[in-house]
Protein backbone atom coordinates (compact mmCIF):
# COMPACT_ATOMS: atom_id res chain seq x y z
CA UNK A 1 -7.54 -1.98 -26.72
CA UNK A 2 -10.92 -0.29 -26.85
CA UNK A 3 -10.94 0.19 -23.10
CA UNK A 4 -7.37 1.42 -23.16
CA UNK A 5 -8.19 3.95 -25.87
CA UNK A 6 -11.08 5.34 -23.78
CA UNK A 7 -8.79 5.65 -20.79
CA UNK A 8 -6.24 7.57 -22.87
CA UNK A 9 -8.92 10.00 -24.00
CA UNK A 10 -10.04 10.36 -20.37
CA UNK A 11 -6.50 11.19 -19.29
CA UNK A 12 -6.08 13.71 -22.05
CA UNK A 13 -9.22 15.45 -20.89
CA UNK A 14 -8.11 15.32 -17.32
CA UNK A 15 -4.79 17.02 -18.10
CA UNK A 16 -6.50 19.68 -20.23
CA UNK A 17 -8.93 20.48 -17.35
CA UNK A 18 -6.04 20.64 -14.93
CA UNK A 19 -4.18 23.20 -17.03
CA UNK A 20 -7.30 25.38 -17.54
CA UNK A 21 -8.40 25.37 -13.98
CA UNK A 22 -5.05 25.23 -12.05
CA UNK A 23 -6.40 22.44 -9.84
CA UNK A 24 -4.33 19.63 -8.57
CA UNK A 25 -5.77 16.45 -10.24
CA UNK A 26 -4.56 12.88 -10.46
CA UNK A 27 -4.92 9.74 -12.58
CA UNK A 28 -4.83 7.55 -9.43
CA UNK A 29 -7.99 5.96 -8.09
CA UNK A 30 -8.24 4.38 -4.61
CA UNK A 31 -10.99 2.59 -2.77
CA UNK A 32 -12.42 4.77 0.02
CA UNK A 33 -11.47 2.06 2.54
CA UNK A 34 -8.10 1.23 1.07
CA UNK A 35 -6.34 1.48 4.46
CA UNK A 36 -8.71 -1.18 5.94
CA UNK A 37 -7.90 -3.45 2.93
CA UNK A 38 -4.16 -3.13 3.05
CA UNK A 39 -3.57 -3.34 6.79
CA UNK A 40 -3.72 -7.13 6.66
CA UNK A 41 -1.95 -7.67 3.33
CA UNK A 42 1.22 -9.68 3.32
CA UNK A 43 1.52 -11.39 -0.03
CA UNK A 44 0.54 -9.62 -3.23
CA UNK A 45 0.58 -11.62 -6.45
CA UNK A 46 2.01 -10.05 -9.61
CA UNK A 47 0.32 -12.09 -12.33
CA UNK A 48 1.96 -12.21 -15.79
CA UNK A 49 1.64 -8.70 -17.34
CA UNK A 50 -0.03 -8.08 -20.62
CA UNK A 51 2.57 -6.44 -22.90
CA UNK A 52 2.14 -5.30 -26.43
CA UNK A 53 4.74 -3.23 -28.39
CA UNK A 54 4.07 -2.60 -32.09
CA UNK A 55 5.93 -1.16 -35.02
CA UNK A 56 3.36 0.97 -36.95
CA UNK A 57 3.78 0.61 -40.69
CA UNK A 58 2.96 2.94 -43.52
CA UNK A 59 -0.43 1.24 -44.07
CA UNK A 60 -1.42 1.52 -40.44
CA UNK A 61 -0.87 -2.17 -39.65
CA UNK A 62 1.47 -3.14 -36.91
CA UNK A 63 3.93 -5.95 -36.17
CA UNK A 64 4.93 -7.07 -32.73
CA UNK A 65 8.33 -6.10 -31.42
CA UNK A 66 9.01 -9.17 -29.28
CA UNK A 67 12.50 -8.28 -27.90
CA UNK A 68 11.19 -4.93 -26.65
CA UNK A 69 8.13 -6.63 -25.15
CA UNK A 70 10.35 -8.97 -23.18
CA UNK A 71 12.38 -6.10 -21.84
CA UNK A 72 9.34 -4.13 -20.81
CA UNK A 73 7.80 -7.17 -19.17
CA UNK A 74 10.89 -7.64 -16.99
CA UNK A 75 10.85 -3.95 -16.12
CA UNK A 76 7.24 -4.11 -15.08
CA UNK A 77 7.82 -7.02 -12.75
CA UNK A 78 10.98 -5.50 -11.25
CA UNK A 79 9.39 -2.10 -10.72
CA UNK A 80 6.27 -3.60 -9.22
CA UNK A 81 8.24 -5.90 -6.87
CA UNK A 82 10.41 -2.97 -5.69
CA UNK A 83 7.50 -0.60 -5.04
CA UNK A 84 5.48 -3.24 -3.16
CA UNK A 85 8.43 -4.24 -1.10
CA UNK A 86 8.97 -0.53 -0.22
CA UNK A 87 5.37 -0.41 1.12
CA UNK A 88 6.01 -3.39 3.38
CA UNK A 89 4.34 -6.11 1.22
CA UNK A 90 5.81 -9.36 -0.04
CA UNK A 91 5.55 -9.44 -3.82
CA UNK A 92 4.85 -12.90 -5.34
CA UNK A 93 5.92 -13.06 -8.98
CA UNK A 94 3.67 -15.58 -10.56
CA UNK A 95 5.19 -17.86 -13.15
CA UNK A 96 2.61 -19.00 -15.69
CA UNK A 97 4.11 -22.44 -16.57
CA UNK A 98 4.40 -23.39 -12.89
CA UNK A 99 0.90 -22.32 -12.11
CA UNK A 100 -0.47 -24.24 -15.14
CA UNK A 101 1.19 -27.39 -13.82
CA UNK A 102 -0.82 -27.03 -10.60
CA UNK A 103 -4.02 -25.32 -11.90
CA UNK A 104 -4.98 -26.26 -15.44
CA UNK A 105 -7.46 -23.36 -15.62
CA UNK A 106 -5.06 -20.69 -14.38
CA UNK A 107 -4.97 -18.78 -17.71
CA UNK A 108 -8.76 -18.83 -17.86
CA UNK A 109 -9.00 -17.63 -14.26
CA UNK A 110 -6.65 -14.66 -14.88
CA UNK A 111 -8.42 -13.83 -18.16
CA UNK A 112 -11.75 -13.77 -16.32
CA UNK A 113 -10.23 -11.47 -13.68
CA UNK A 114 -8.94 -9.05 -16.30
CA UNK A 115 -12.25 -9.07 -18.08
CA UNK A 116 -14.09 -8.32 -14.87
CA UNK A 117 -11.77 -5.43 -14.19
CA UNK A 118 -12.18 -4.05 -17.66
CA UNK A 119 -15.98 -4.16 -17.23
CA UNK A 120 -15.83 -1.75 -14.22
CA UNK A 121 -12.78 0.30 -15.32
CA UNK A 122 -15.03 2.81 -17.11
CA UNK A 123 -16.56 3.64 -13.75
CA UNK A 124 -13.14 4.68 -12.51
CA UNK A 125 -12.04 6.60 -15.54
CA UNK A 126 -15.05 8.59 -16.79
CA UNK A 127 -13.10 11.40 -18.48
CA UNK A 128 -13.75 13.64 -15.50
CA UNK A 129 -10.83 15.24 -13.64
CA UNK A 130 -10.36 13.91 -10.04
CA UNK A 131 -9.13 16.27 -7.47
CA UNK A 132 -6.29 15.07 -5.24
CA UNK A 133 -8.63 15.47 -2.26
CA UNK A 134 -11.03 12.86 -3.79
CA UNK A 135 -8.46 10.35 -4.88
CA UNK A 136 -9.71 7.84 -2.22
CA UNK A 137 -13.40 8.09 -2.91
CA UNK A 138 -14.12 5.12 -5.16
CA UNK A 139 -15.90 1.87 -4.53
CA UNK A 140 -15.69 -0.72 -7.41
CA UNK A 141 -15.42 -4.50 -7.27
CA UNK A 142 -14.61 -7.29 -9.74
CA UNK A 143 -16.48 -9.81 -7.66
CA UNK A 144 -15.50 -13.47 -7.10
CA UNK A 145 -13.12 -13.53 -10.09
CA UNK A 146 -10.43 -12.16 -7.70
CA UNK A 147 -10.86 -14.76 -5.03
CA UNK A 148 -10.18 -17.61 -7.52
CA UNK A 149 -6.79 -16.16 -8.55
CA UNK A 150 -5.95 -15.19 -4.99
CA UNK A 151 -6.53 -18.75 -3.82
CA UNK A 152 -4.38 -20.31 -6.52
CA UNK A 153 -1.52 -17.90 -5.96
CA UNK A 154 -1.83 -18.00 -2.14
CA UNK A 155 -2.04 -14.23 -1.98
CA UNK A 156 -3.96 -11.48 -0.24
CA UNK A 157 -4.30 -9.29 -3.26
CA UNK A 158 -3.50 -9.33 -7.01
CA UNK A 159 -1.69 -6.70 -9.06
CA UNK A 160 -2.77 -6.52 -12.69
CA UNK A 161 -0.40 -4.84 -15.18
CA UNK A 162 -0.90 -3.91 -18.85
CA UNK A 163 1.53 -2.10 -21.14
CA UNK A 164 0.82 -0.83 -24.68
CA UNK A 165 3.60 0.76 -26.75
CA UNK A 166 4.28 1.68 -30.27
CA UNK A 167 6.85 3.22 -32.62
CA UNK A 168 6.69 4.25 -36.22
CA UNK A 169 8.48 2.51 -39.11
CA UNK A 170 10.57 4.54 -41.50
CA UNK A 171 7.77 4.48 -44.08
CA UNK A 172 5.27 5.69 -41.55
CA UNK A 173 7.62 8.57 -40.45
CA UNK A 174 8.09 9.55 -44.12
CA UNK A 175 4.33 9.66 -44.55
CA UNK A 176 3.91 11.91 -41.55
CA UNK A 177 6.68 14.24 -42.70
CA UNK A 178 5.10 14.55 -46.10
CA UNK A 179 1.76 15.40 -44.55
CA UNK A 180 3.38 17.97 -42.21
CA UNK A 181 5.17 19.66 -45.17
CA UNK A 182 1.96 19.75 -47.15
CA UNK A 183 0.00 21.39 -44.37
CA UNK A 184 2.80 23.84 -43.90
CA UNK A 185 2.74 24.84 -47.59
CA UNK A 186 -1.03 25.14 -47.69
CA UNK A 187 -1.02 27.45 -44.67
CA UNK A 188 2.05 29.48 -45.68
CA UNK A 189 3.99 27.86 -42.90
CA UNK A 190 1.52 28.85 -40.19
CA UNK A 191 0.72 25.27 -39.13
CA UNK A 192 3.29 22.52 -39.08
CA UNK A 193 2.10 19.65 -36.91
CA UNK A 194 4.65 17.77 -34.81
CA UNK A 195 4.12 14.01 -35.10
CA UNK A 196 5.07 11.76 -32.24
CA UNK A 197 7.58 9.05 -33.07
CA UNK A 198 6.53 6.63 -30.32
CA UNK A 199 4.41 6.33 -27.27
CA UNK A 200 3.33 4.10 -24.39
CA UNK A 201 0.65 3.65 -21.80
CA UNK A 202 0.69 1.68 -18.54
CA UNK A 203 -2.39 0.43 -16.74
CA UNK A 204 -2.16 -1.09 -13.18
CA UNK A 205 -4.72 -2.20 -10.71
CA UNK A 206 -4.41 -3.62 -7.18
CA UNK A 207 -7.43 -5.90 -6.38
CA UNK A 208 -8.37 -7.36 -3.03
CA UNK A 209 -8.23 -11.20 -3.12
CA UNK A 210 -11.20 -11.58 -0.81
CA UNK A 211 -13.76 -9.01 -1.73
CA UNK A 212 -12.64 -8.20 -5.22
CA UNK A 213 -12.52 -4.48 -4.42
CA UNK A 214 -10.22 -2.38 -6.56
CA UNK A 215 -7.98 -0.92 -3.90
CA UNK A 216 -5.72 1.11 -6.12
CA UNK A 217 -5.60 1.84 -9.88
CA UNK A 218 -3.59 4.09 -12.09
CA UNK A 219 -3.19 4.77 -15.80
CA UNK A 220 -0.21 6.64 -17.11
CA UNK A 221 0.80 7.64 -20.69
CA UNK A 222 4.38 8.37 -21.77
CA UNK A 223 5.75 10.72 -24.46
CA UNK A 224 7.81 7.86 -25.97
CA UNK A 225 8.19 4.11 -25.56
CA UNK A 226 11.34 4.16 -23.39
CA UNK A 227 9.59 2.56 -20.38
CA UNK A 228 9.52 5.76 -18.35
CA UNK A 229 5.76 5.43 -17.89
CA UNK A 230 6.26 2.12 -16.02
CA UNK A 231 8.12 3.73 -13.13
CA UNK A 232 5.93 6.83 -13.12
CA UNK A 233 2.78 4.69 -12.85
CA UNK A 234 3.91 2.31 -10.17
CA UNK A 235 5.57 5.00 -8.02
CA UNK A 236 2.01 6.01 -7.17
CA UNK A 237 1.72 2.80 -5.07
CA UNK A 238 3.35 4.91 -2.32
CA UNK A 239 -0.08 6.52 -1.82
CA UNK A 240 -1.37 3.29 -0.22
CA UNK A 241 -1.69 3.44 3.58
CA UNK A 242 -0.55 0.16 5.12
CA UNK A 243 -2.19 0.84 8.55
CA UNK A 244 -5.72 1.78 9.21
CA UNK A 245 -6.25 5.10 11.11
CA UNK A 246 -7.46 4.36 14.69
CA UNK A 247 -11.13 5.13 15.28
CA UNK A 248 -10.30 7.60 18.09
CA UNK A 249 -7.86 9.48 15.80
CA UNK A 250 -10.49 9.68 13.08
CA UNK A 251 -13.04 11.16 15.47
CA UNK A 252 -10.48 13.68 16.75
CA UNK A 253 -9.70 14.70 13.18
CA UNK A 254 -13.31 15.20 12.26
CA UNK A 255 -13.92 17.22 15.41
CA UNK A 256 -11.08 19.56 14.52
CA UNK A 257 -12.52 20.09 11.03
CA UNK A 258 -15.74 21.35 12.64
CA UNK A 259 -13.95 24.03 14.68
């Protein structure tokens, strides 16, 4: 949650900078050699997503909304499978129970992979806006943690997915409304803050199963918890090139730039 909060702050700063400067920026991060990574990919494992949907109460505590979590989990897997298939990959939906029957340490291996990714995620999302022209200028790796999961899932790469959503209880909404009215009265109606009723954030990362390189990553926040951020995030997988640019073509392109 701490890492996710930092990313949300980073994205807020990114949007603010974009509005002020008029520059085209993005939340997507890609490895500078992503085309070389993906050209040999066939199977991409979609490991069980981390999903958390909470009802925020008056006292600030939250309770899990299990039915909504199940629905979002299904949506994440369906959207990811569809987008990967559209790029020419074969999605492998990993079932936790079946994997545990074959690999007793599977949960630990996936947890280690997630932890390794979280440890380098701050290097991808530093709060600085990234221009579209520099979207493929990153080089981060989770190390050998990826190869362990890739081996057990018989895949070339692994897609990590994390969803965090929330909505306010009636008591929490009433508290916010009271605070808004009070502020409005104290300022003669000049300031009446609008309180969000719900929200969501989706974090995704495609990791090379051999080198552990983060090939593609994206974090996207939604204005509510309807699941719209899921599709918006994973649609960005279309940026991945599935064929490496020929060396001769690269040289020709560079030569034209110098003219």
